[in-house]
Amino acid sequence: MIKKVISLPAADALIDKLKNIHGDLMFFQSGGCCDGSAPMCYVLGEFKISDNDVLLGEIAGCPFYIAHNQYEYWKHTQLIIDVVKGRGAGFSLEAPEGYRFLTRSKLFTDEALIALNIRSRN
């Protein structure tokens, strides 16, 4: 099964730590000016999802959403959620821990795009 979003082990470890502190979590791939394009982590239900937002999948058991207009830009890529030292500029739950989530990406192959029913990049 091809996943549109995955997380690396370091991100999973931080998510588990945050779950122990805050309970169930959710993610939203930001595209805003204040927080750049960072994946934002919230307590589940604390960020209001609209009908225009797309559920990409789950990372470490947490739903991961993206705005439809952002999805249109990123739909040809697999989002890879990582973590790095430092504080982000947003309101994400990991900030007090001295880390921030980071989105990396990898273009899907033509075969993966077909399997995902996404039109080719060409």
Protein backbone atom coordinates (compact mmCIF):
# COMPACT_ATOMS: atom_id res chain seq x y z
CA MET A 1 0.00 0.00 0.00
CA ILE A 2 1.34 3.40 -0.99
CA LYS A 3 1.05 6.04 1.72
CA LYS A 4 0.74 9.76 1.02
CA VAL A 5 2.32 10.64 4.36
CA ILE A 6 4.81 8.72 6.51
CA SER A 7 6.88 9.54 9.58
CA LEU A 8 10.47 8.71 10.43
CA PRO A 9 11.43 6.97 13.71
CA ALA A 10 12.60 10.21 15.39
CA ALA A 11 9.22 11.82 14.63
CA ASP A 12 7.40 8.74 15.95
CA ALA A 13 9.35 8.93 19.22
CA LEU A 14 8.46 12.59 19.69
CA ILE A 15 4.82 11.91 18.82
CA ASP A 16 4.72 9.15 21.47
CA LYS A 17 6.18 11.55 24.04
CA LEU A 18 3.61 14.21 23.14
CA LYS A 19 0.78 11.66 23.33
CA ASN A 20 1.86 10.78 26.88
CA ILE A 21 1.66 14.46 27.81
CA HIS A 22 -1.40 15.63 25.83
CA GLY A 23 -3.43 12.56 24.83
CA ASP A 24 -4.65 11.93 21.27
CA LEU A 25 -3.09 14.15 18.63
CA MET A 26 -3.67 15.34 15.08
CA PHE A 27 -1.50 17.01 12.44
CA PHE A 28 -2.16 19.70 9.88
CA GLN A 29 0.33 20.48 7.12
CA SER A 30 0.55 24.23 7.29
CA GLY A 31 1.04 26.50 4.36
CA GLY A 32 0.69 29.74 6.28
CA CYS A 33 2.99 32.71 6.63
CA CYS A 34 3.54 32.52 10.40
CA ASP A 35 4.58 28.91 10.62
CA GLY A 36 6.02 28.42 7.17
CA SER A 37 5.19 25.04 5.71
CA ALA A 38 5.69 23.06 8.90
CA PRO A 39 3.49 20.18 9.99
CA MET A 40 1.59 21.44 13.01
CA CYS A 41 0.73 19.10 15.90
CA TYR A 42 -2.40 19.73 17.97
CA VAL A 43 -4.50 17.92 20.55
CA LEU A 44 -7.06 15.91 18.55
CA GLY A 45 -10.01 18.18 17.70
CA GLU A 46 -8.28 21.37 18.79
CA PHE A 47 -7.71 22.47 15.19
CA LYS A 48 -10.93 22.77 13.22
CA ILE A 49 -10.87 20.82 9.97
CA SER A 50 -12.99 22.18 7.12
CA ASP A 51 -14.77 20.37 4.30
CA ASN A 52 -11.96 21.58 2.01
CA ASP A 53 -9.21 19.85 3.99
CA VAL A 54 -7.82 16.49 2.86
CA LEU A 55 -7.01 13.59 5.18
CA LEU A 56 -3.70 12.26 3.81
CA GLY A 57 -3.44 9.38 6.25
CA GLU A 58 -2.01 8.77 9.70
CA ILE A 59 1.40 9.01 11.29
CA ALA A 60 2.02 7.19 14.57
CA GLY A 61 -1.74 6.67 14.86
CA CYS A 62 -2.54 10.39 14.43
CA PRO A 63 -4.65 11.76 11.56
CA PHE A 64 -2.71 14.02 9.19
CA TYR A 65 -4.59 16.70 7.21
CA ILE A 66 -3.68 19.24 4.56
CA ALA A 67 -5.65 22.11 3.01
CA HIS A 68 -7.08 21.24 -0.39
CA ASN A 69 -5.13 23.98 -2.19
CA GLN A 70 -1.90 22.77 -0.55
CA TYR A 71 -2.79 19.19 -1.48
CA GLU A 72 -3.13 20.20 -5.13
CA TYR A 73 0.43 21.48 -5.00
CA TRP A 74 1.85 18.48 -3.06
CA LYS A 75 -0.28 15.62 -4.43
CA HIS A 76 2.56 14.26 -6.60
CA THR A 77 4.76 13.78 -3.54
CA GLN A 78 4.89 11.60 -0.49
CA LEU A 79 5.22 13.74 2.63
CA ILE A 80 7.88 12.45 5.03
CA ILE A 81 7.60 13.82 8.55
CA ASP A 82 10.88 14.21 10.42
CA VAL A 83 12.01 16.09 13.50
CA VAL A 84 14.96 18.45 14.01
CA LYS A 85 16.33 20.38 16.97
CA GLY A 86 15.08 23.92 17.37
CA ARG A 87 11.81 25.73 17.93
CA GLY A 88 9.36 26.40 15.16
CA ALA A 89 7.53 29.69 14.79
CA GLY A 90 4.04 28.24 15.12
CA PHE A 91 1.74 26.89 17.80
CA SER A 92 2.66 23.24 17.43
CA LEU A 93 2.81 21.14 20.62
CA GLU A 94 6.46 20.08 20.22
CA ALA A 95 7.87 23.62 20.59
CA PRO A 96 8.48 23.42 24.38
CA GLU A 97 10.39 20.16 23.85
CA GLY A 98 13.14 21.97 21.88
CA TYR A 99 12.33 20.22 18.61
CA ARG A 100 10.20 20.91 15.59
CA PHE A 101 8.55 18.70 13.06
CA LEU A 102 9.78 19.10 9.50
CA THR A 103 8.24 17.99 6.22
CA ARG A 104 10.47 16.40 3.64
CA SER A 105 9.07 15.07 0.39
CA LYS A 106 9.72 12.56 -2.36
CA LEU A 107 8.10 12.57 -5.79
CA PHE A 108 5.89 9.58 -6.45
CA THR A 109 6.87 7.37 -9.36
CA ASP A 110 4.51 7.23 -12.34
CA GLU A 111 3.43 3.77 -11.16
CA ALA A 112 2.59 5.11 -7.70
CA LEU A 113 0.58 7.98 -9.22
CA ILE A 114 -1.46 5.47 -11.21
CA ALA A 115 -2.04 3.33 -8.11
CA LEU A 116 -3.14 6.43 -6.18
CA ASN A 117 -5.37 7.53 -9.08
CA ILE A 118 -3.52 10.85 -9.39
CA ARG A 119 -2.97 12.41 -12.79
CA SER A 120 0.61 12.40 -14.01
CA ARG A 121 2.85 15.41 -13.44
CA ASN A 122 3.25 15.74 -17.24
